Amino acid sequence: KALADAVHGEGCKLCAQLHQSDSNVKAMLKYIPGVLTKR
């Protein structure tokens, strides 16, 4: 809402890109330790 108000205040339209991720969250979990340790 704040973003829409800010953009509209400048005379500009706003569009929301609706999406659903195709990332498998459960599969992602096994990579988190490697990312955190920068391996």
ModelCIF file with pLDDT and N, C-alpha, C, O atoms, coordinates in Angstrom:
data_MODEL
#
_entry.id   MODEL 
#
_entity.id                         1 
_entity.type                       polymer 
_entity.pdbx_number_of_molecules   1 
#
_entity_poly.entity_id                      1 
_entity_poly.type                           'polypeptide(L)' 
_entity_poly.nstd_linkage                   no 
_entity_poly.nstd_monomer                   no 
_entity_poly.pdbx_seq_one_letter_code       KALADAVHGEGCKLCAQLHQSDSNVKAMLKYIPGVLTKR 
_entity_poly.pdbx_seq_one_letter_code_can   KALADAVHGEGCKLCAQLHQSDSNVKAMLKYIPGVLTKR 
_entity_poly.pdbx_strand_id                 A 
#
loop_
_entity_poly_seq.entity_id 
_entity_poly_seq.num 
_entity_poly_seq.mon_id 
_entity_poly_seq.hetero 
1 1  LYS n 
1 2  ALA n 
1 3  LEU n 
1 4  ALA n 
1 5  ASP n 
1 6  ALA n 
1 7  VAL n 
1 8  HIS n 
1 9  GLY n 
1 10 GLU n 
1 11 GLY n 
1 12 CYS n 
1 13 LYS n 
1 14 LEU n 
1 15 CYS n 
1 16 ALA n 
1 17 GLN n 
1 18 LEU n 
1 19 HIS n 
1 20 GLN n 
1 21 SER n 
1 22 ASP n 
1 23 SER n 
1 24 ASN n 
1 25 VAL n 
1 26 LYS n 
1 27 ALA n 
1 28 MET n 
1 29 LEU n 
1 30 LYS n 
1 31 TYR n 
1 32 ILE n 
1 33 PRO n 
1 34 GLY n 
1 35 VAL n 
1 36 LEU n 
1 37 THR n 
1 38 LYS n 
1 39 ARG n 
#
_struct_asym.id          A 
_struct_asym.entity_id   1 
#
loop_
_ma_qa_metric.id 
_ma_qa_metric.mode 
_ma_qa_metric.name 
_ma_qa_metric.software_group_id 
_ma_qa_metric.type 
1 global pLDDT . pLDDT 
2 local  pLDDT . pLDDT 
#
_ma_qa_metric_global.metric_id      1 
_ma_qa_metric_global.metric_value   84.05 
_ma_qa_metric_global.model_id       1 
_ma_qa_metric_global.ordinal_id     1 
#
loop_
_ma_qa_metric_local.label_asym_id 
_ma_qa_metric_local.label_comp_id 
_ma_qa_metric_local.label_seq_id 
_ma_qa_metric_local.metric_id 
_ma_qa_metric_local.metric_value 
_ma_qa_metric_local.model_id 
_ma_qa_metric_local.ordinal_id 
A LYS 1  2 98.00 1 1  
A ALA 2  2 98.00 1 2  
A LEU 3  2 98.00 1 3  
A ALA 4  2 98.00 1 4  
A ASP 5  2 98.00 1 5  
A ALA 6  2 98.00 1 6  
A VAL 7  2 98.00 1 7  
A HIS 8  2 98.00 1 8  
A GLY 9  2 98.00 1 9  
A GLU 10 2 98.00 1 10 
A GLY 11 2 98.00 1 11 
A CYS 12 2 98.00 1 12 
A LYS 13 2 98.00 1 13 
A LEU 14 2 98.00 1 14 
A CYS 15 2 98.00 1 15 
A ALA 16 2 98.00 1 16 
A GLN 17 2 98.00 1 17 
A LEU 18 2 97.00 1 18 
A HIS 19 2 94.00 1 19 
A GLN 20 2 92.00 1 20 
A SER 21 2 88.00 1 21 
A ASP 22 2 85.00 1 22 
A SER 23 2 77.00 1 23 
A ASN 24 2 72.00 1 24 
A VAL 25 2 67.00 1 25 
A LYS 26 2 69.00 1 26 
A ALA 27 2 63.00 1 27 
A MET 28 2 64.00 1 28 
A LEU 29 2 64.00 1 29 
A LYS 30 2 66.00 1 30 
A TYR 31 2 64.00 1 31 
A ILE 32 2 66.00 1 32 
A PRO 33 2 71.00 1 33 
A GLY 34 2 69.00 1 34 
A VAL 35 2 64.00 1 35 
A LEU 36 2 64.00 1 36 
A THR 37 2 73.00 1 37 
A LYS 38 2 71.00 1 38 
A ARG 39 2 72.00 1 39 
#
loop_
_atom_site.group_PDB 
_atom_site.id 
_atom_site.type_symbol 
_atom_site.label_atom_id 
_atom_site.label_alt_id 
_atom_site.label_comp_id 
_atom_site.label_asym_id 
_atom_site.label_entity_id 
_atom_site.label_seq_id 
_atom_site.pdbx_PDB_ins_code 
_atom_site.Cartn_x 
_atom_site.Cartn_y 
_atom_site.Cartn_z 
_atom_site.occupancy 
_atom_site.B_iso_or_equiv 
_atom_site.pdbx_formal_charge 
_atom_site.auth_seq_id 
_atom_site.auth_comp_id 
_atom_site.auth_asym_id 
_atom_site.auth_atom_id 
_atom_site.pdbx_PDB_model_num 
ATOM 1   N N  . LYS A 1 1  ? 0.835  -1.204  0.000   1.00 98.00 ? 1  LYS A N  1 
ATOM 2   C CA . LYS A 1 1  ? 0.000  0.000   0.000   1.00 98.00 ? 1  LYS A CA 1 
ATOM 3   C C  . LYS A 1 1  ? 0.870  1.255   0.000   1.00 98.00 ? 1  LYS A C  1 
ATOM 4   O O  . LYS A 1 1  ? 0.596  2.207   -0.731  1.00 98.00 ? 1  LYS A O  1 
ATOM 5   N N  . ALA A 1 2  ? 1.919  1.253   0.822   1.00 98.00 ? 2  ALA A N  1 
ATOM 6   C CA . ALA A 1 2  ? 2.829  2.402   0.862   1.00 98.00 ? 2  ALA A CA 1 
ATOM 7   C C  . ALA A 1 2  ? 3.550  2.577   -0.462  1.00 98.00 ? 2  ALA A C  1 
ATOM 8   O O  . ALA A 1 2  ? 3.770  3.702   -0.912  1.00 98.00 ? 2  ALA A O  1 
ATOM 9   N N  . LEU A 1 3  ? 3.918  1.462   -1.088  1.00 98.00 ? 3  LEU A N  1 
ATOM 10  C CA . LEU A 1 3  ? 4.580  1.516   -2.386  1.00 98.00 ? 3  LEU A CA 1 
ATOM 11  C C  . LEU A 1 3  ? 3.641  2.093   -3.442  1.00 98.00 ? 3  LEU A C  1 
ATOM 12  O O  . LEU A 1 3  ? 4.042  2.941   -4.239  1.00 98.00 ? 3  LEU A O  1 
ATOM 13  N N  . ALA A 1 4  ? 2.391  1.633   -3.444  1.00 98.00 ? 4  ALA A N  1 
ATOM 14  C CA . ALA A 1 4  ? 1.412  2.141   -4.407  1.00 98.00 ? 4  ALA A CA 1 
ATOM 15  C C  . ALA A 1 4  ? 1.193  3.640   -4.215  1.00 98.00 ? 4  ALA A C  1 
ATOM 16  O O  . ALA A 1 4  ? 1.123  4.387   -5.191  1.00 98.00 ? 4  ALA A O  1 
ATOM 17  N N  . ASP A 1 5  ? 1.088  4.075   -2.980  1.00 98.00 ? 5  ASP A N  1 
ATOM 18  C CA . ASP A 1 5  ? 0.885  5.494   -2.709  1.00 98.00 ? 5  ASP A CA 1 
ATOM 19  C C  . ASP A 1 5  ? 2.073  6.322   -3.202  1.00 98.00 ? 5  ASP A C  1 
ATOM 20  O O  . ASP A 1 5  ? 1.893  7.397   -3.775  1.00 98.00 ? 5  ASP A O  1 
ATOM 21  N N  . ALA A 1 6  ? 3.290  5.812   -2.975  1.00 98.00 ? 6  ALA A N  1 
ATOM 22  C CA . ALA A 1 6  ? 4.492  6.546   -3.387  1.00 98.00 ? 6  ALA A CA 1 
ATOM 23  C C  . ALA A 1 6  ? 4.586  6.659   -4.897  1.00 98.00 ? 6  ALA A C  1 
ATOM 24  O O  . ALA A 1 6  ? 4.913  7.722   -5.425  1.00 98.00 ? 6  ALA A O  1 
ATOM 25  N N  . VAL A 1 7  ? 4.300  5.570   -5.593  1.00 98.00 ? 7  VAL A N  1 
ATOM 26  C CA . VAL A 1 7  ? 4.393  5.557   -7.057  1.00 98.00 ? 7  VAL A CA 1 
ATOM 27  C C  . VAL A 1 7  ? 3.271  6.381   -7.681  1.00 98.00 ? 7  VAL A C  1 
ATOM 28  O O  . VAL A 1 7  ? 3.506  7.154   -8.611  1.00 98.00 ? 7  VAL A O  1 
ATOM 29  N N  . HIS A 1 8  ? 2.063  6.218   -7.175  1.00 98.00 ? 8  HIS A N  1 
ATOM 30  C CA . HIS A 1 8  ? 0.935  6.992   -7.701  1.00 98.00 ? 8  HIS A CA 1 
ATOM 31  C C  . HIS A 1 8  ? 1.131  8.490   -7.468  1.00 98.00 ? 8  HIS A C  1 
ATOM 32  O O  . HIS A 1 8  ? 0.675  9.315   -8.259  1.00 98.00 ? 8  HIS A O  1 
ATOM 33  N N  . GLY A 1 9  ? 1.812  8.829   -6.378  1.00 98.00 ? 9  GLY A N  1 
ATOM 34  C CA . GLY A 1 9  ? 2.078  10.237  -6.093  1.00 98.00 ? 9  GLY A CA 1 
ATOM 35  C C  . GLY A 1 9  ? 2.946  10.901  -7.139  1.00 98.00 ? 9  GLY A C  1 
ATOM 36  O O  . GLY A 1 9  ? 2.981  12.127  -7.246  1.00 98.00 ? 9  GLY A O  1 
ATOM 37  N N  . GLU A 1 10 ? 3.648  10.087  -7.908  1.00 98.00 ? 10 GLU A N  1 
ATOM 38  C CA . GLU A 1 10 ? 4.498  10.606  -8.978  1.00 98.00 ? 10 GLU A CA 1 
ATOM 39  C C  . GLU A 1 10 ? 3.840  10.458  -10.347 1.00 98.00 ? 10 GLU A C  1 
ATOM 40  O O  . GLU A 1 10 ? 4.492  10.647  -11.374 1.00 98.00 ? 10 GLU A O  1 
ATOM 41  N N  . GLY A 1 11 ? 2.545  10.119  -10.365 1.00 98.00 ? 11 GLY A N  1 
ATOM 42  C CA . GLY A 1 11 ? 1.825  10.021  -11.627 1.00 98.00 ? 11 GLY A CA 1 
ATOM 43  C C  . GLY A 1 11 ? 2.135  8.777   -12.435 1.00 98.00 ? 11 GLY A C  1 
ATOM 44  O O  . GLY A 1 11 ? 2.069  8.795   -13.664 1.00 98.00 ? 11 GLY A O  1 
ATOM 45  N N  . CYS A 1 12 ? 2.473  7.696   -11.749 1.00 98.00 ? 12 CYS A N  1 
ATOM 46  C CA . CYS A 1 12 ? 2.889  6.457   -12.401 1.00 98.00 ? 12 CYS A CA 1 
ATOM 47  C C  . CYS A 1 12 ? 1.953  5.318   -11.986 1.00 98.00 ? 12 CYS A C  1 
ATOM 48  O O  . CYS A 1 12 ? 1.497  5.284   -10.843 1.00 98.00 ? 12 CYS A O  1 
ATOM 49  N N  . LYS A 1 13 ? 1.665  4.400   -12.889 1.00 98.00 ? 13 LYS A N  1 
ATOM 50  C CA . LYS A 1 13 ? 0.853  3.222   -12.597 1.00 98.00 ? 13 LYS A CA 1 
ATOM 51  C C  . LYS A 1 13 ? 1.720  2.129   -11.964 1.00 98.00 ? 13 LYS A C  1 
ATOM 52  O O  . LYS A 1 13 ? 2.947  2.158   -12.052 1.00 98.00 ? 13 LYS A O  1 
ATOM 53  N N  . LEU A 1 14 ? 1.042  1.159   -11.320 1.00 98.00 ? 14 LEU A N  1 
ATOM 54  C CA . LEU A 1 14 ? 1.757  0.085   -10.625 1.00 98.00 ? 14 LEU A CA 1 
ATOM 55  C C  . LEU A 1 14 ? 1.131  -1.263  -10.956 1.00 98.00 ? 14 LEU A C  1 
ATOM 56  O O  . LEU A 1 14 ? -0.090 -1.416  -10.927 1.00 98.00 ? 14 LEU A O  1 
ATOM 57  N N  . CYS A 1 15 ? 1.975  -2.232  -11.267 1.00 98.00 ? 15 CYS A N  1 
ATOM 58  C CA . CYS A 1 15 ? 1.543  -3.579  -11.625 1.00 98.00 ? 15 CYS A CA 1 
ATOM 59  C C  . CYS A 1 15 ? 2.205  -4.586  -10.698 1.00 98.00 ? 15 CYS A C  1 
ATOM 60  O O  . CYS A 1 15 ? 3.400  -4.482  -10.420 1.00 98.00 ? 15 CYS A O  1 
ATOM 61  N N  . ALA A 1 16 ? 1.441  -5.559  -10.219 1.00 98.00 ? 16 ALA A N  1 
ATOM 62  C CA . ALA A 1 16 ? 1.967  -6.615  -9.356  1.00 98.00 ? 16 ALA A CA 1 
ATOM 63  C C  . ALA A 1 16 ? 2.253  -7.856  -10.180 1.00 98.00 ? 16 ALA A C  1 
ATOM 64  O O  . ALA A 1 16 ? 1.349  -8.406  -10.809 1.00 98.00 ? 16 ALA A O  1 
ATOM 65  N N  . GLN A 1 17 ? 3.496  -8.302  -10.184 1.00 98.00 ? 17 GLN A N  1 
ATOM 66  C CA . GLN A 1 17 ? 3.854  -9.541  -10.870 1.00 98.00 ? 17 GLN A CA 1 
ATOM 67  C C  . GLN A 1 17 ? 3.575  -10.713 -9.924  1.00 98.00 ? 17 GLN A C  1 
ATOM 68  O O  . GLN A 1 17 ? 4.360  -10.990 -9.016  1.00 98.00 ? 17 GLN A O  1 
ATOM 69  N N  . LEU A 1 18 ? 2.458  -11.391 -10.145 1.00 97.00 ? 18 LEU A N  1 
ATOM 70  C CA . LEU A 1 18 ? 2.061  -12.500 -9.285  1.00 97.00 ? 18 LEU A CA 1 
ATOM 71  C C  . LEU A 1 18 ? 2.809  -13.756 -9.676  1.00 97.00 ? 18 LEU A C  1 
ATOM 72  O O  . LEU A 1 18 ? 2.869  -14.117 -10.852 1.00 97.00 ? 18 LEU A O  1 
ATOM 73  N N  . HIS A 1 19 ? 3.379  -14.417 -8.685  1.00 94.00 ? 19 HIS A N  1 
ATOM 74  C CA . HIS A 1 19 ? 4.160  -15.610 -9.016  1.00 94.00 ? 19 HIS A CA 1 
ATOM 75  C C  . HIS A 1 19 ? 4.064  -16.642 -7.914  1.00 94.00 ? 19 HIS A C  1 
ATOM 76  O O  . HIS A 1 19 ? 3.769  -16.336 -6.758  1.00 94.00 ? 19 HIS A O  1 
ATOM 77  N N  . GLN A 1 20 ? 4.324  -17.868 -8.311  1.00 92.00 ? 20 GLN A N  1 
ATOM 78  C CA . GLN A 1 20 ? 4.496  -18.965 -7.370  1.00 92.00 ? 20 GLN A CA 1 
ATOM 79  C C  . GLN A 1 20 ? 5.843  -19.602 -7.658  1.00 92.00 ? 20 GLN A C  1 
ATOM 80  O O  . GLN A 1 20 ? 6.113  -20.017 -8.785  1.00 92.00 ? 20 GLN A O  1 
ATOM 81  N N  . SER A 1 21 ? 6.674  -19.678 -6.654  1.00 88.00 ? 21 SER A N  1 
ATOM 82  C CA . SER A 1 21 ? 7.992  -20.273 -6.833  1.00 88.00 ? 21 SER A CA 1 
ATOM 83  C C  . SER A 1 21 ? 7.881  -21.753 -7.182  1.00 88.00 ? 21 SER A C  1 
ATOM 84  O O  . SER A 1 21 ? 6.976  -22.444 -6.714  1.00 88.00 ? 21 SER A O  1 
ATOM 85  N N  . ASP A 1 22 ? 8.805  -22.229 -8.006  1.00 85.00 ? 22 ASP A N  1 
ATOM 86  C CA . ASP A 1 22 ? 8.871  -23.657 -8.306  1.00 85.00 ? 22 ASP A CA 1 
ATOM 87  C C  . ASP A 1 22 ? 10.029 -24.324 -7.573  1.00 85.00 ? 22 ASP A C  1 
ATOM 88  O O  . ASP A 1 22 ? 10.454 -25.426 -7.921  1.00 85.00 ? 22 ASP A O  1 
ATOM 89  N N  . SER A 1 23 ? 10.529 -23.631 -6.547  1.00 77.00 ? 23 SER A N  1 
ATOM 90  C CA . SER A 1 23 ? 11.603 -24.203 -5.736  1.00 77.00 ? 23 SER A CA 1 
ATOM 91  C C  . SER A 1 23 ? 11.033 -25.192 -4.732  1.00 77.00 ? 23 SER A C  1 
ATOM 92  O O  . SER A 1 23 ? 10.032 -24.913 -4.072  1.00 77.00 ? 23 SER A O  1 
ATOM 93  N N  . ASN A 1 24 ? 11.664 -26.330 -4.624  1.00 72.00 ? 24 ASN A N  1 
ATOM 94  C CA . ASN A 1 24 ? 11.264 -27.347 -3.666  1.00 72.00 ? 24 ASN A CA 1 
ATOM 95  C C  . ASN A 1 24 ? 11.891 -27.000 -2.314  1.00 72.00 ? 24 ASN A C  1 
ATOM 96  O O  . ASN A 1 24 ? 13.081 -27.229 -2.096  1.00 72.00 ? 24 ASN A O  1 
ATOM 97  N N  . VAL A 1 25 ? 11.078 -26.444 -1.409  1.00 67.00 ? 25 VAL A N  1 
ATOM 98  C CA . VAL A 1 25 ? 11.604 -25.940 -0.140  1.00 67.00 ? 25 VAL A CA 1 
ATOM 99  C C  . VAL A 1 25 ? 12.280 -27.052 0.657   1.00 67.00 ? 25 VAL A C  1 
ATOM 100 O O  . VAL A 1 25 ? 13.339 -26.839 1.247   1.00 67.00 ? 25 VAL A O  1 
ATOM 101 N N  . LYS A 1 26 ? 11.678 -28.223 0.677   1.00 69.00 ? 26 LYS A N  1 
ATOM 102 C CA . LYS A 1 26 ? 12.267 -29.335 1.427   1.00 69.00 ? 26 LYS A CA 1 
ATOM 103 C C  . LYS A 1 26 ? 13.631 -29.719 0.853   1.00 69.00 ? 26 LYS A C  1 
ATOM 104 O O  . LYS A 1 26 ? 14.565 -30.025 1.594   1.00 69.00 ? 26 LYS A O  1 
ATOM 105 N N  . ALA A 1 27 ? 13.731 -29.697 -0.475  1.00 63.00 ? 27 ALA A N  1 
ATOM 106 C CA . ALA A 1 27 ? 15.009 -30.029 -1.101  1.00 63.00 ? 27 ALA A CA 1 
ATOM 107 C C  . ALA A 1 27 ? 16.053 -28.947 -0.839  1.00 63.00 ? 27 ALA A C  1 
ATOM 108 O O  . ALA A 1 27 ? 17.250 -29.227 -0.788  1.00 63.00 ? 27 ALA A O  1 
ATOM 109 N N  . MET A 1 28 ? 15.587 -27.707 -0.673  1.00 64.00 ? 28 MET A N  1 
ATOM 110 C CA . MET A 1 28 ? 16.503 -26.598 -0.433  1.00 64.00 ? 28 MET A CA 1 
ATOM 111 C C  . MET A 1 28 ? 17.191 -26.709 0.925   1.00 64.00 ? 28 MET A C  1 
ATOM 112 O O  . MET A 1 28 ? 18.329 -26.271 1.092   1.00 64.00 ? 28 MET A O  1 
ATOM 113 N N  . LEU A 1 29 ? 16.494 -27.295 1.883   1.00 64.00 ? 29 LEU A N  1 
ATOM 114 C CA . LEU A 1 29 ? 17.005 -27.314 3.253   1.00 64.00 ? 29 LEU A CA 1 
ATOM 115 C C  . LEU A 1 29 ? 18.370 -27.976 3.368   1.00 64.00 ? 29 LEU A C  1 
ATOM 116 O O  . LEU A 1 29 ? 19.194 -27.581 4.193   1.00 64.00 ? 29 LEU A O  1 
ATOM 117 N N  . LYS A 1 30 ? 18.602 -28.979 2.542   1.00 66.00 ? 30 LYS A N  1 
ATOM 118 C CA . LYS A 1 30 ? 19.876 -29.692 2.665   1.00 66.00 ? 30 LYS A CA 1 
ATOM 119 C C  . LYS A 1 30 ? 21.063 -28.871 2.200   1.00 66.00 ? 30 LYS A C  1 
ATOM 120 O O  . LYS A 1 30 ? 22.211 -29.199 2.503   1.00 66.00 ? 30 LYS A O  1 
ATOM 121 N N  . TYR A 1 31 ? 20.785 -27.789 1.453   1.00 64.00 ? 31 TYR A N  1 
ATOM 122 C CA . TYR A 1 31 ? 21.878 -26.951 0.964   1.00 64.00 ? 31 TYR A CA 1 
ATOM 123 C C  . TYR A 1 31 ? 22.180 -25.778 1.904   1.00 64.00 ? 31 TYR A C  1 
ATOM 124 O O  . TYR A 1 31 ? 23.204 -25.112 1.754   1.00 64.00 ? 31 TYR A O  1 
ATOM 125 N N  . ILE A 1 32 ? 21.289 -25.525 2.873   1.00 66.00 ? 32 ILE A N  1 
ATOM 126 C CA . ILE A 1 32 ? 21.457 -24.362 3.745   1.00 66.00 ? 32 ILE A CA 1 
ATOM 127 C C  . ILE A 1 32 ? 22.782 -24.384 4.518   1.00 66.00 ? 32 ILE A C  1 
ATOM 128 O O  . ILE A 1 32 ? 23.460 -23.358 4.568   1.00 66.00 ? 32 ILE A O  1 
ATOM 129 N N  . PRO A 1 33 ? 23.184 -25.532 5.132   1.00 71.00 ? 33 PRO A N  1 
ATOM 130 C CA . PRO A 1 33 ? 24.479 -25.535 5.842   1.00 71.00 ? 33 PRO A CA 1 
ATOM 131 C C  . PRO A 1 33 ? 25.652 -25.155 4.933   1.00 71.00 ? 33 PRO A C  1 
ATOM 132 O O  . PRO A 1 33 ? 26.553 -24.425 5.345   1.00 71.00 ? 33 PRO A O  1 
ATOM 133 N N  . GLY A 1 34 ? 25.632 -25.652 3.707   1.00 69.00 ? 34 GLY A N  1 
ATOM 134 C CA . GLY A 1 34 ? 26.716 -25.335 2.777   1.00 69.00 ? 34 GLY A CA 1 
ATOM 135 C C  . GLY A 1 34 ? 26.746 -23.875 2.396   1.00 69.00 ? 34 GLY A C  1 
ATOM 136 O O  . GLY A 1 34 ? 27.816 -23.294 2.215   1.00 69.00 ? 34 GLY A O  1 
ATOM 137 N N  . VAL A 1 35 ? 25.554 -23.271 2.270   1.00 64.00 ? 35 VAL A N  1 
ATOM 138 C CA . VAL A 1 35 ? 25.491 -21.842 1.938   1.00 64.00 ? 35 VAL A CA 1 
ATOM 139 C C  . VAL A 1 35 ? 25.970 -21.003 3.118   1.00 64.00 ? 35 VAL A C  1 
ATOM 140 O O  . VAL A 1 35 ? 26.724 -20.046 2.949   1.00 64.00 ? 35 VAL A O  1 
ATOM 141 N N  . LEU A 1 36 ? 25.517 -21.380 4.324   1.00 64.00 ? 36 LEU A N  1 
ATOM 142 C CA . LEU A 1 36 ? 25.895 -20.619 5.512   1.00 64.00 ? 36 LEU A CA 1 
ATOM 143 C C  . LEU A 1 36 ? 27.396 -20.680 5.788   1.00 64.00 ? 36 LEU A C  1 
ATOM 144 O O  . LEU A 1 36 ? 27.989 -19.702 6.244   1.00 64.00 ? 36 LEU A O  1 
ATOM 145 N N  . THR A 1 37 ? 27.999 -21.821 5.510   1.00 73.00 ? 37 THR A N  1 
ATOM 146 C CA . THR A 1 37 ? 29.445 -21.954 5.725   1.00 73.00 ? 37 THR A CA 1 
ATOM 147 C C  . THR A 1 37 ? 30.255 -21.546 4.498   1.00 73.00 ? 37 THR A C  1 
ATOM 148 O O  . THR A 1 37 ? 31.483 -21.629 4.490   1.00 73.00 ? 37 THR A O  1 
ATOM 149 N N  . LYS A 1 38 ? 29.533 -21.098 3.450   1.00 71.00 ? 38 LYS A N  1 
ATOM 150 C CA . LYS A 1 38 ? 30.142 -20.610 2.206   1.00 71.00 ? 38 LYS A CA 1 
ATOM 151 C C  . LYS A 1 38 ? 30.888 -21.700 1.438   1.00 71.00 ? 38 LYS A C  1 
ATOM 152 O O  . LYS A 1 38 ? 31.741 -21.406 0.600   1.00 71.00 ? 38 LYS A O  1 
ATOM 153 N N  . ARG A 1 39 ? 30.559 -22.970 1.732   1.00 72.00 ? 39 ARG A N  1 
ATOM 154 C CA . ARG A 1 39 ? 31.097 -24.057 0.910   1.00 72.00 ? 39 ARG A CA 1 
ATOM 155 C C  . ARG A 1 39 ? 30.369 -24.119 -0.422  1.00 72.00 ? 39 ARG A C  1 
ATOM 156 O O  . ARG A 1 39 ? 30.679 -24.970 -1.256  1.00 72.00 ? 39 ARG A O  1 
#
